[in-house]
C-alpha atoms as a PDB file:
ATOM      1  CA  MET A   1     108.918  92.320  93.575  1.00  0.00           C
ATOM      2  CA  THR A   2     109.395  96.225  93.916  1.00  0.00           C
ATOM      3  CA  ASP A   3     112.363  97.728  95.833  1.00  0.00           C
ATOM      4  CA  LEU A   4     112.831 100.477  97.931  1.00  0.00           C
ATOM      5  CA  HIS A   5     115.373 103.044  96.160  1.00  0.00           C
ATOM      6  CA  THR A   6     118.166 104.517  98.885  1.00  0.00           C
ATOM      7  CA  GLU A   7     121.520 105.625  98.949  1.00  0.00           C
ATOM      8  CA  TYR A   8     123.171 102.247  99.350  1.00  0.00           C
ATOM      9  CA  GLY A   9     121.041 100.888  96.295  1.00  0.00           C
ATOM     10  CA  PRO A  10     117.865  98.881  96.026  1.00  0.00           C
ATOM     11  CA  ILE A  11     116.436  97.053  99.198  1.00  0.00           C
ATOM     12  CA  SER A  12     114.026  94.147  97.761  1.00  0.00           C
ATOM     13  CA  LEU A  13     110.605  93.883  99.346  1.00  0.00           C
ATOM     14  CA  ASN A  14     108.641  91.772  98.964  1.00  0.00           C
ATOM     15  CA  TYR A  15     105.588  93.614  97.785  1.00  0.00           C
ATOM     16  CA  ASP A  16     103.919  94.046  94.302  1.00  0.00           C
ATOM     17  CA  PRO A  17     101.941  97.057  93.877  1.00  0.00           C
ATOM     18  CA  THR A  18     100.012  95.599  90.762  1.00  0.00           C
ATOM     19  CA  LYS A  19      97.941  93.283  92.942  1.00  0.00           C
ATOM     20  CA  TYR A  20      96.230  96.051  94.877  1.00  0.00           C
ATOM     21  CA  LYS A  21      93.103  97.816  93.625  1.00  0.00           C
ATOM     22  CA  SER A  22      92.741  99.517  96.552  1.00  0.00           C
ATOM     23  CA  LYS A  23      95.211 102.350  98.465  1.00  0.00           C
ATOM     24  CA  ALA A  24      94.029 100.717 101.883  1.00  0.00           C
ATOM     25  CA  SER A  25      95.365  97.064 100.879  1.00  0.00           C
ATOM     26  CA  ALA A  26      98.512  98.535  98.809  1.00  0.00           C
ATOM     27  CA  ALA A  27      99.444 100.580 102.068  1.00  0.00           C
ATOM     28  CA  LYS A  28      98.350  97.843 104.540  1.00  0.00           C
ATOM     29  CA  ALA A  29     100.654  94.825 102.030  1.00  0.00           C
ATOM     30  CA  PHE A  30     103.647  97.977 101.826  1.00  0.00           C
ATOM     31  CA  HIS A  31     103.521  98.516 105.375  1.00  0.00           C
ATOM     32  CA  LYS A  32     103.731  94.739 106.529  1.00  0.00           C
ATOM     33  CA  ALA A  33     106.453  94.448 104.114  1.00  0.00           C
ATOM     34  CA  LEU A  34     108.167  97.010 104.877  1.00  0.00           C
ATOM     35  CA  ARG A  35     107.917  95.434 108.682  1.00  0.00           C
ATOM     36  CA  GLU A  36     109.697  92.367 107.305  1.00  0.00           C
ATOM     37  CA  VAL A  37     112.854  94.571 105.752  1.00  0.00           C
ATOM     38  CA  CYS A  38     113.135  96.750 109.207  1.00  0.00           C
ATOM     39  CA  ARG A  39     113.356  93.257 111.006  1.00  0.00           C
ATOM     40  CA  ASP A  40     116.204  91.795 108.640  1.00  0.00           C
ATOM     41  CA  MET A  41     118.263  94.864 109.488  1.00  0.00           C
ATOM     42  CA  GLY A  42     118.143  93.985 113.130  1.00  0.00           C
ATOM     43  CA  MET A  43     115.244  96.797 114.219  1.00  0.00           C
ATOM     44  CA  ASN A  44     112.286  96.446 115.704  1.00  0.00           C
ATOM     45  CA  PRO A  45     109.440  97.289 113.576  1.00  0.00           C
ATOM     46  CA  ASP A  46     107.154  97.696 116.500  1.00  0.00           C
ATOM     47  CA  ILE A  47     108.832 101.016 117.544  1.00  0.00           C
ATOM     48  CA  GLU A  48     110.098 101.563 114.219  1.00  0.00           C
ATOM     49  CA  ILE A  49     107.082 101.708 111.450  1.00  0.00           C
ATOM     50  CA  PHE A  50     103.945 102.807 111.558  1.00  0.00           C
ATOM     51  CA  ILE A  51     100.738 103.085 109.314  1.00  0.00           C
ATOM     52  CA  GLN A  52      97.697 105.947 109.614  1.00  0.00           C
ATOM     53  CA  THR A  53      94.724 105.886 108.421  1.00  0.00           C
ATOM     54  CA  PRO A  54      93.662 108.764 106.306  1.00  0.00           C
ATOM     55  CA  GLU A  55      91.661 110.178 109.391  1.00  0.00           C
ATOM     56  CA  GLN A  56      94.605 109.465 111.503  1.00  0.00           C
ATOM     57  CA  SER A  57      96.944 111.198 108.668  1.00  0.00           C
ATOM     58  CA  ALA A  58      94.693 114.310 107.757  1.00  0.00           C
ATOM     59  CA  ASN A  59      94.269 114.824 112.120  1.00  0.00           C
ATOM     60  CA  ALA A  60      98.329 114.753 112.371  1.00  0.00           C
ATOM     61  CA  GLY A  61      98.511 117.289 109.421  1.00  0.00           C
ATOM     62  CA  TYR A  62      99.147 115.472 106.615  1.00  0.00           C
ATOM     63  CA  GLY A  63      96.256 114.954 104.517  1.00  0.00           C
ATOM     64  CA  ARG A  64      93.954 112.708 103.402  1.00  0.00           C
ATOM     65  CA  ASN A  65      96.207 109.616 102.856  1.00  0.00           C
ATOM     66  CA  TRP A  66      97.076 106.305 104.079  1.00  0.00           C
ATOM     67  CA  ARG A  67     100.528 107.386 105.411  1.00  0.00           C
ATOM     68  CA  VAL A  68     103.322 104.065 105.976  1.00  0.00           C
ATOM     69  CA  CYS A  69     106.635 105.987 108.325  1.00  0.00           C
ATOM     70  CA  TRP A  70     109.688 104.363 108.773  1.00  0.00           C
ATOM     71  CA  GLU A  71     111.557 107.472 110.465  1.00  0.00           C
ATOM     72  CA  SER A  72     114.795 105.142 111.242  1.00  0.00           C
ATOM     73  CA  GLY A  73     115.177 103.772 107.321  1.00  0.00           C
ATOM     74  CA  PRO A  74     117.791 104.359 105.188  1.00  0.00           C
ATOM     75  CA  TYR A  75     118.129 107.873 104.140  1.00  0.00           C
ATOM     76  CA  GLN A  76     115.372 109.502 101.856  1.00  0.00           C
ATOM     77  CA  TRP A  77     113.645 105.725 101.099  1.00  0.00           C
ATOM     78  CA  ALA A  78     110.635 107.356 100.256  1.00  0.00           C
ATOM     79  CA  VAL A  79     111.193 109.418  97.620  1.00  0.00           C
ATOM     80  CA  GLY A  80     112.835 107.106  95.681  1.00  0.00           C
ATOM     81  CA  THR A  81     111.062 104.508  96.148  1.00  0.00           C
ATOM     82  CA  SER A  82     107.714 107.020  95.286  1.00  0.00           C
ATOM     83  CA  PHE A  83     108.818 106.791  91.865  1.00  0.00           C
ATOM     84  CA  THR A  84     109.195 103.487  90.871  1.00  0.00           C
ATOM     85  CA  ALA A  85     105.972 100.935  90.568  1.00  0.00           C
ATOM     86  CA  HIS A  86     103.860 102.528  92.559  1.00  0.00           C
ATOM     87  CA  ASN A  87     101.881 104.752  90.067  1.00  0.00           C
ATOM     88  CA  LEU A  88      98.996 102.729  88.889  1.00  0.00           C
ATOM     89  CA  PRO A  89      95.499 104.313  87.481  1.00  0.00           C
ATOM     90  CA  HIS A  90      93.315 104.362  91.024  1.00  0.00           C
ATOM     91  CA  TRP A  91      96.320 105.644  93.856  1.00  0.00           C
ATOM     92  CA  TYR A  92     100.011 106.556  93.465  1.00  0.00           C
ATOM     93  CA  THR A  93     102.265 107.111  96.272  1.00  0.00           C
ATOM     94  CA  GLU A  94     104.393 110.194  97.143  1.00  0.00           C
ATOM     95  CA  PRO A  95     106.292 111.048  99.950  1.00  0.00           C
ATOM     96  CA  TYR A  96     105.434 113.636 102.883  1.00  0.00           C
ATOM     97  CA  TYR A  97     109.176 113.787 104.424  1.00  0.00           C
ATOM     98  CA  SER A  98     111.504 111.548 103.043  1.00  0.00           C
ATOM     99  CA  PHE A  99     110.964 109.066 105.157  1.00  0.00           C
ATOM    100  CA  ASP A 100     107.183 108.557 104.847  1.00  0.00           C
ATOM    101  CA  LEU A 101     105.462 107.402 101.920  1.00  0.00           C
ATOM    102  CA  CYS A 102     101.626 108.520 101.390  1.00  0.00           C
ATOM    103  CA  PHE A 103      99.115 106.633  99.022  1.00  0.00           C
ATOM    104  CA  THR A 104      96.521 108.797  97.479  1.00  0.00           C
ATOM    105  CA  TYR A 105      95.281 109.532  94.249  1.00  0.00           C
END
């Protein structure tokens, strides 16, 4: 388990970054867990949350990273979340904006 760090306090995610050896698998698992939180908050994750491959992210001008975005989520959720439990030897996370988390190295 890990938490989203928000202005409202932590929000638990069903996600353990230490289980994943690649950025791709970690980003996909994080995306899935974030969708669950979004749904639990009464939002439609099909509209509110998306994931981009490194190619899609680069083509959009955000660099070659796996990118998970939730623009309607709690204020600056990606900033605080990027500092917790997502920094592993073979990849780490950082926000591009305050509402998207990039999985990079």
